[in-house]
Amino acid sequence: MNKYITEFIGTFFLVLTIGCTVLAGQAGVIPPLAIGAALMVMIFAGGHISGAHYNPAVTLAVFLRGKCDAKDVLPYWISQILGASAAAAAATFLTGKTGEGAAIANVPQAFLAEFLFTFALAYVVLNVATAKANAGNSFYGLAIGFTVMTGAFAVGHISGGAFNPAVAVGVAIMKLTAPAGIWLHIVADLLGGAAAALAFKALSKADAS
């Protein structure tokens, strides 16, 4: 149970940061920096308990890599989505605002953007947090947080920069994107996570077991 509560807490503060920075009208570098930093610190806080996935696509990647038990996948996903939903409600209350539910302008571009940077995120997670050669390192949280920050800067204007199906649910609740676009993030992000696991297993023969 501690693992699932940790996943709830970490996802909650990630999505709360997204909501409070974006709904408050922060622009420029502030939201990506804050979001990457929130993810980083929550990973350092909860990594020793749950692995600090905070993302169904990452959980899928870690499962396919062989470092997450099958029995934990669905509870992790539920915890992450509940955390994101609770954070969306809290952010809406704290800011007194919701978004306008804007639809994604170019679906193929957004799909590719989400796939690529979710792949990058999951690939970094697998290499810094599960690879034998990097066992016990002190930089894994920073590397993962910076990957999300990089993606937000690079393609946030194209896809919204979720790279996380739970985040997609949260931002839809806050009406930062149209609910009809959730499918894009879910499909693209899970595919990105699965592809990252396949790439890691193909490239990291020493980590086959």
C-alpha atoms as a PDB file:
ATOM      1  CA  MET A   1       0.000   0.000   0.000  1.00  0.00           C
ATOM      2  CA  ASN A   2       2.878   2.402   0.732  1.00  0.00           C
ATOM      3  CA  LYS A   3       3.937   2.184  -2.911  1.00  0.00           C
ATOM      4  CA  TYR A   4       0.518   3.188  -4.150  1.00  0.00           C
ATOM      5  CA  ILE A   5       0.204   6.090  -1.723  1.00  0.00           C
ATOM      6  CA  THR A   6       3.640   7.300  -2.829  1.00  0.00           C
ATOM      7  CA  GLU A   7       2.564   7.174  -6.466  1.00  0.00           C
ATOM      8  CA  PHE A   8      -0.552   9.180  -5.574  1.00  0.00           C
ATOM      9  CA  ILE A   9       1.460  11.834  -3.723  1.00  0.00           C
ATOM     10  CA  GLY A  10       4.124  12.243  -6.392  1.00  0.00           C
ATOM     11  CA  THR A  11       1.629  12.477  -9.237  1.00  0.00           C
ATOM     12  CA  PHE A  12      -0.486  14.863  -7.174  1.00  0.00           C
ATOM     13  CA  PHE A  13       2.302  17.398  -6.730  1.00  0.00           C
ATOM     14  CA  LEU A  14       3.415  17.092 -10.342  1.00  0.00           C
ATOM     15  CA  VAL A  15      -0.077  17.899 -11.634  1.00  0.00           C
ATOM     16  CA  LEU A  16      -0.695  20.503  -8.927  1.00  0.00           C
ATOM     17  CA  THR A  17       2.417  22.340 -10.117  1.00  0.00           C
ATOM     18  CA  ILE A  18       1.223  22.189 -13.706  1.00  0.00           C
ATOM     19  CA  GLY A  19      -2.187  23.523 -12.768  1.00  0.00           C
ATOM     20  CA  CYS A  20      -1.043  26.290 -10.443  1.00  0.00           C
ATOM     21  CA  THR A  21       1.585  27.637 -12.843  1.00  0.00           C
ATOM     22  CA  VAL A  22      -0.464  27.416 -16.044  1.00  0.00           C
ATOM     23  CA  LEU A  23      -3.866  28.458 -14.645  1.00  0.00           C
ATOM     24  CA  ALA A  24      -2.228  31.399 -12.863  1.00  0.00           C
ATOM     25  CA  GLY A  25      -1.044  32.661 -16.238  1.00  0.00           C
ATOM     26  CA  GLN A  26       2.669  32.093 -15.735  1.00  0.00           C
ATOM     27  CA  ALA A  27       4.401  32.293 -19.094  1.00  0.00           C
ATOM     28  CA  GLY A  28       7.790  31.733 -20.643  1.00  0.00           C
ATOM     29  CA  VAL A  29      10.284  29.598 -18.737  1.00  0.00           C
ATOM     30  CA  ILE A  30       8.401  29.390 -15.443  1.00  0.00           C
ATOM     31  CA  PRO A  31       6.017  26.449 -16.067  1.00  0.00           C
ATOM     32  CA  PRO A  32       8.594  24.062 -17.638  1.00  0.00           C
ATOM     33  CA  LEU A  33      11.150  24.862 -14.927  1.00  0.00           C
ATOM     34  CA  ALA A  34       8.621  24.432 -12.129  1.00  0.00           C
ATOM     35  CA  ILE A  35       7.200  21.227 -13.583  1.00  0.00           C
ATOM     36  CA  GLY A  36      10.628  19.660 -14.119  1.00  0.00           C
ATOM     37  CA  ALA A  37      11.689  20.673 -10.613  1.00  0.00           C
ATOM     38  CA  ALA A  38       8.503  19.290  -9.038  1.00  0.00           C
ATOM     39  CA  LEU A  39       9.004  15.957 -10.767  1.00  0.00           C
ATOM     40  CA  MET A  40      12.664  15.880  -9.728  1.00  0.00           C
ATOM     41  CA  VAL A  41      12.031  16.449  -6.037  1.00  0.00           C
ATOM     42  CA  MET A  42       9.109  14.025  -5.900  1.00  0.00           C
ATOM     43  CA  ILE A  43      11.302  11.365  -7.536  1.00  0.00           C
ATOM     44  CA  PHE A  44      14.012  11.893  -4.948  1.00  0.00           C
ATOM     45  CA  ALA A  45      11.352  11.780  -2.217  1.00  0.00           C
ATOM     46  CA  GLY A  46       9.570   8.619  -3.328  1.00  0.00           C
ATOM     47  CA  GLY A  47      12.035   6.693  -5.436  1.00  0.00           C
ATOM     48  CA  HIS A  48      13.096   4.389  -2.605  1.00  0.00           C
ATOM     49  CA  ILE A  49       9.483   3.436  -1.879  1.00  0.00           C
ATOM     50  CA  SER A  50       7.706   2.994  -5.210  1.00  0.00           C
ATOM     51  CA  GLY A  51      10.324   3.673  -7.858  1.00  0.00           C
ATOM     52  CA  ALA A  52       8.657   7.073  -8.339  1.00  0.00           C
ATOM     53  CA  HIS A  53       7.004   6.445 -11.685  1.00  0.00           C
ATOM     54  CA  TYR A  54       4.178   9.014 -11.363  1.00  0.00           C
ATOM     55  CA  ASN A  55       3.284   8.163 -14.952  1.00  0.00           C
ATOM     56  CA  PRO A  56       1.396   5.177 -16.439  1.00  0.00           C
ATOM     57  CA  ALA A  57       3.715   5.182 -19.468  1.00  0.00           C
ATOM     58  CA  VAL A  58       6.770   4.904 -17.210  1.00  0.00           C
ATOM     59  CA  THR A  59       5.115   2.120 -15.231  1.00  0.00           C
ATOM     60  CA  LEU A  60       4.481   0.272 -18.493  1.00  0.00           C
ATOM     61  CA  ALA A  61       8.096   0.743 -19.560  1.00  0.00           C
ATOM     62  CA  VAL A  62       9.465  -0.463 -16.215  1.00  0.00           C
ATOM     63  CA  PHE A  63       7.092  -3.450 -16.302  1.00  0.00           C
ATOM     64  CA  LEU A  64       8.175  -4.435 -19.812  1.00  0.00           C
ATOM     65  CA  ARG A  65      11.796  -3.999 -18.748  1.00  0.00           C
ATOM     66  CA  GLY A  66      11.134  -6.501 -15.950  1.00  0.00           C
ATOM     67  CA  LYS A  67      11.486  -4.237 -12.907  1.00  0.00           C
ATOM     68  CA  CYS A  68       7.813  -3.831 -11.969  1.00  0.00           C
ATOM     69  CA  ASP A  69       5.605  -6.735 -10.879  1.00  0.00           C
ATOM     70  CA  ALA A  70       2.522  -7.361 -12.998  1.00  0.00           C
ATOM     71  CA  LYS A  71       0.353  -7.134  -9.874  1.00  0.00           C
ATOM     72  CA  ASP A  72       1.488  -3.534  -9.348  1.00  0.00           C
ATOM     73  CA  VAL A  73       0.775  -2.155 -12.821  1.00  0.00           C
ATOM     74  CA  LEU A  74      -2.959  -1.534 -12.473  1.00  0.00           C
ATOM     75  CA  PRO A  75      -2.771  -0.230  -8.862  1.00  0.00           C
ATOM     76  CA  TYR A  76       0.031   2.124  -9.928  1.00  0.00           C
ATOM     77  CA  TRP A  77      -2.075   3.412 -12.823  1.00  0.00           C
ATOM     78  CA  ILE A  78      -5.103   3.906 -10.572  1.00  0.00           C
ATOM     79  CA  SER A  79      -3.020   5.715  -7.941  1.00  0.00           C
ATOM     80  CA  GLN A  80      -1.467   7.975 -10.569  1.00  0.00           C
ATOM     81  CA  ILE A  81      -4.798   8.892 -12.159  1.00  0.00           C
ATOM     82  CA  LEU A  82      -6.418   9.516  -8.777  1.00  0.00           C
ATOM     83  CA  GLY A  83      -3.486  11.719  -7.769  1.00  0.00           C
ATOM     84  CA  ALA A  84      -3.750  13.703 -10.989  1.00  0.00           C
ATOM     85  CA  SER A  85      -7.510  14.114 -10.605  1.00  0.00           C
ATOM     86  CA  ALA A  86      -7.218  15.296  -7.002  1.00  0.00           C
ATOM     87  CA  ALA A  87      -4.492  17.742  -7.974  1.00  0.00           C
ATOM     88  CA  ALA A  88      -6.626  19.135 -10.784  1.00  0.00           C
ATOM     89  CA  ALA A  89      -9.427  19.830  -8.311  1.00  0.00           C
ATOM     90  CA  ALA A  90      -6.982  21.430  -5.864  1.00  0.00           C
ATOM     91  CA  ALA A  91      -5.357  23.623  -8.528  1.00  0.00           C
ATOM     92  CA  THR A  92      -8.739  24.801  -9.770  1.00  0.00           C
ATOM     93  CA  PHE A  93      -9.736  25.695  -6.215  1.00  0.00           C
ATOM     94  CA  LEU A  94      -6.436  27.427  -5.410  1.00  0.00           C
ATOM     95  CA  THR A  95      -6.389  29.563  -8.559  1.00  0.00           C
ATOM     96  CA  GLY A  96     -10.116  30.024  -8.910  1.00  0.00           C
ATOM     97  CA  LYS A  97      -9.740  29.363 -12.612  1.00  0.00           C
ATOM     98  CA  THR A  98     -10.105  26.768 -15.330  1.00  0.00           C
ATOM     99  CA  GLY A  99      -8.769  26.760 -18.848  1.00  0.00           C
ATOM    100  CA  GLU A 100     -10.739  27.102 -22.049  1.00  0.00           C
ATOM    101  CA  GLY A 101     -10.493  23.505 -23.218  1.00  0.00           C
ATOM    102  CA  ALA A 102      -8.624  24.323 -26.397  1.00  0.00           C
ATOM    103  CA  ALA A 103      -8.423  21.498 -28.927  1.00  0.00           C
ATOM    104  CA  ILE A 104      -5.077  20.326 -30.305  1.00  0.00           C
ATOM    105  CA  ALA A 105      -4.492  22.133 -33.580  1.00  0.00           C
ATOM    106  CA  ASN A 106      -2.559  19.440 -35.435  1.00  0.00           C
ATOM    107  CA  VAL A 107      -3.217  15.889 -34.238  1.00  0.00           C
ATOM    108  CA  PRO A 108      -0.434  14.100 -36.199  1.00  0.00           C
ATOM    109  CA  GLN A 109       2.171  16.605 -34.994  1.00  0.00           C
ATOM    110  CA  ALA A 110       0.938  16.369 -31.408  1.00  0.00           C
ATOM    111  CA  PHE A 111       0.863  12.570 -31.526  1.00  0.00           C
ATOM    112  CA  LEU A 112       4.456  12.390 -32.736  1.00  0.00           C
ATOM    113  CA  ALA A 113       5.598  14.994 -30.191  1.00  0.00           C
ATOM    114  CA  GLU A 114       4.020  13.046 -27.326  1.00  0.00           C
ATOM    115  CA  PHE A 115       5.408   9.742 -28.563  1.00  0.00           C
ATOM    116  CA  LEU A 116       8.958  11.029 -28.994  1.00  0.00           C
ATOM    117  CA  PHE A 117       9.316  12.784 -25.670  1.00  0.00           C
ATOM    118  CA  THR A 118       7.538  10.054 -23.725  1.00  0.00           C
ATOM    119  CA  PHE A 119      10.004   7.673 -25.346  1.00  0.00           C
ATOM    120  CA  ALA A 120      12.831   9.957 -24.235  1.00  0.00           C
ATOM    121  CA  LEU A 121      11.443  10.177 -20.705  1.00  0.00           C
ATOM    122  CA  ALA A 122      10.960   6.426 -20.285  1.00  0.00           C
ATOM    123  CA  TYR A 123      14.318   5.694 -21.920  1.00  0.00           C
ATOM    124  CA  VAL A 124      16.053   8.023 -19.462  1.00  0.00           C
ATOM    125  CA  VAL A 125      14.173   6.472 -16.522  1.00  0.00           C
ATOM    126  CA  LEU A 126      15.186   2.964 -17.525  1.00  0.00           C
ATOM    127  CA  ASN A 127      18.821   3.925 -17.993  1.00  0.00           C
ATOM    128  CA  VAL A 128      19.348   6.069 -14.908  1.00  0.00           C
ATOM    129  CA  ALA A 129      17.053   4.270 -12.464  1.00  0.00           C
ATOM    130  CA  THR A 130      17.128   0.586 -13.490  1.00  0.00           C
ATOM    131  CA  ALA A 131      20.425  -0.056 -15.306  1.00  0.00           C
ATOM    132  CA  LYS A 132      22.969  -2.079 -13.345  1.00  0.00           C
ATOM    133  CA  ALA A 133      25.823   0.242 -14.334  1.00  0.00           C
ATOM    134  CA  ASN A 134      24.004   3.208 -12.775  1.00  0.00           C
ATOM    135  CA  ALA A 135      22.866   1.475  -9.588  1.00  0.00           C
ATOM    136  CA  GLY A 136      22.969   3.724  -6.543  1.00  0.00           C
ATOM    137  CA  ASN A 137      23.590   6.926  -8.477  1.00  0.00           C
ATOM    138  CA  SER A 138      22.548  10.289  -7.056  1.00  0.00           C
ATOM    139  CA  PHE A 139      21.526  12.006 -10.296  1.00  0.00           C
ATOM    140  CA  TYR A 140      18.521   9.980 -11.444  1.00  0.00           C
ATOM    141  CA  GLY A 141      15.898  12.472 -10.238  1.00  0.00           C
ATOM    142  CA  LEU A 142      17.668  15.390 -11.881  1.00  0.00           C
ATOM    143  CA  ALA A 143      18.018  13.541 -15.186  1.00  0.00           C
ATOM    144  CA  ILE A 144      14.340  12.565 -15.258  1.00  0.00           C
ATOM    145  CA  GLY A 145      13.073  16.001 -14.238  1.00  0.00           C
ATOM    146  CA  PHE A 146      15.240  17.684 -16.837  1.00  0.00           C
ATOM    147  CA  THR A 147      13.900  15.365 -19.541  1.00  0.00           C
ATOM    148  CA  VAL A 148      10.350  16.518 -18.844  1.00  0.00           C
ATOM    149  CA  MET A 149      11.500  20.133 -18.706  1.00  0.00           C
ATOM    150  CA  THR A 150      13.264  19.727 -22.063  1.00  0.00           C
ATOM    151  CA  GLY A 151      10.186  18.197 -23.643  1.00  0.00           C
ATOM    152  CA  ALA A 152       7.962  20.966 -22.312  1.00  0.00           C
ATOM    153  CA  PHE A 153      10.229  23.592 -23.837  1.00  0.00           C
ATOM    154  CA  ALA A 154      10.617  21.712 -27.115  1.00  0.00           C
ATOM    155  CA  VAL A 155       7.084  20.588 -27.960  1.00  0.00           C
ATOM    156  CA  GLY A 156       4.784  21.944 -25.254  1.00  0.00           C
ATOM    157  CA  HIS A 157       3.324  24.369 -27.765  1.00  0.00           C
ATOM    158  CA  ILE A 158       2.516  21.488 -30.118  1.00  0.00           C
ATOM    159  CA  SER A 159       1.010  18.830 -27.860  1.00  0.00           C
ATOM    160  CA  GLY A 160       0.657  20.460 -24.457  1.00  0.00           C
ATOM    161  CA  GLY A 161       3.704  18.565 -23.223  1.00  0.00           C
ATOM    162  CA  ALA A 162       2.001  15.918 -21.090  1.00  0.00           C
ATOM    163  CA  PHE A 163       4.200  12.862 -21.805  1.00  0.00           C
ATOM    164  CA  ASN A 164       2.038  11.170 -19.191  1.00  0.00           C
ATOM    165  CA  PRO A 165      -1.530   9.794 -19.460  1.00  0.00           C
ATOM    166  CA  ALA A 166      -2.277  10.736 -15.835  1.00  0.00           C
ATOM    167  CA  VAL A 167      -1.187  14.312 -16.507  1.00  0.00           C
ATOM    168  CA  ALA A 168      -3.438  14.307 -19.581  1.00  0.00           C
ATOM    169  CA  VAL A 169      -6.402  13.389 -17.371  1.00  0.00           C
ATOM    170  CA  GLY A 170      -5.497  16.146 -14.920  1.00  0.00           C
ATOM    171  CA  VAL A 171      -5.130  18.869 -17.526  1.00  0.00           C
ATOM    172  CA  ALA A 172      -8.414  17.821 -19.137  1.00  0.00           C
ATOM    173  CA  ILE A 173     -10.183  18.152 -15.776  1.00  0.00           C
ATOM    174  CA  MET A 174      -8.684  21.643 -15.452  1.00  0.00           C
ATOM    175  CA  LYS A 175      -9.877  22.350 -19.016  1.00  0.00           C
ATOM    176  CA  LEU A 176      -6.372  23.185 -20.170  1.00  0.00           C
ATOM    177  CA  THR A 177      -7.048  20.882 -23.111  1.00  0.00           C
ATOM    178  CA  ALA A 178     -10.222  19.515 -24.610  1.00  0.00           C
ATOM    179  CA  PRO A 179     -11.285  16.207 -23.011  1.00  0.00           C
ATOM    180  CA  ALA A 180     -11.717  14.738 -26.480  1.00  0.00           C
ATOM    181  CA  GLY A 181      -7.937  14.901 -26.903  1.00  0.00           C
ATOM    182  CA  ILE A 182      -7.120  12.622 -23.954  1.00  0.00           C
ATOM    183  CA  TRP A 183      -6.986   9.584 -26.249  1.00  0.00           C
ATOM    184  CA  LEU A 184      -4.017  11.081 -28.102  1.00  0.00           C
ATOM    185  CA  HIS A 185      -1.924  11.380 -24.968  1.00  0.00           C
ATOM    186  CA  ILE A 186      -2.915   7.960 -23.664  1.00  0.00           C
ATOM    187  CA  VAL A 187      -2.125   6.139 -26.900  1.00  0.00           C
ATOM    188  CA  ALA A 188       0.979   8.086 -27.898  1.00  0.00           C
ATOM    189  CA  ASP A 189       2.442   8.066 -24.392  1.00  0.00           C
ATOM    190  CA  LEU A 190       1.889   4.363 -23.752  1.00  0.00           C
ATOM    191  CA  LEU A 191       3.375   3.566 -27.154  1.00  0.00           C
ATOM    192  CA  GLY A 192       6.359   5.768 -26.312  1.00  0.00           C
ATOM    193  CA  GLY A 193       6.874   3.962 -23.015  1.00  0.00           C
ATOM    194  CA  ALA A 194       6.642   0.545 -24.655  1.00  0.00           C
ATOM    195  CA  ALA A 195       9.062   1.552 -27.411  1.00  0.00           C
ATOM    196  CA  ALA A 196      11.555   2.816 -24.829  1.00  0.00           C
ATOM    197  CA  ALA A 197      11.448  -0.535 -23.025  1.00  0.00           C
ATOM    198  CA  LEU A 198      12.107  -2.379 -26.279  1.00  0.00           C
ATOM    199  CA  ALA A 199      15.004  -0.057 -27.112  1.00  0.00           C
ATOM    200  CA  PHE A 200      16.507  -0.428 -23.636  1.00  0.00           C
ATOM    201  CA  LYS A 201      16.337  -4.218 -23.785  1.00  0.00           C
ATOM    202  CA  ALA A 202      17.887  -4.266 -27.241  1.00  0.00           C
ATOM    203  CA  LEU A 203      20.748  -1.932 -26.305  1.00  0.00           C
ATOM    204  CA  SER A 204      21.441  -3.030 -22.724  1.00  0.00           C
ATOM    205  CA  LYS A 205      22.249  -6.714 -22.938  1.00  0.00           C
ATOM    206  CA  ALA A 206      23.935  -6.604 -19.521  1.00  0.00           C
ATOM    207  CA  ASP A 207      20.552  -5.715 -18.000  1.00  0.00           C
ATOM    208  CA  ALA A 208      18.655  -8.582 -19.544  1.00  0.00           C
ATOM    209  CA  SER A 209      17.945 -10.056 -16.131  1.00  0.00           C
END
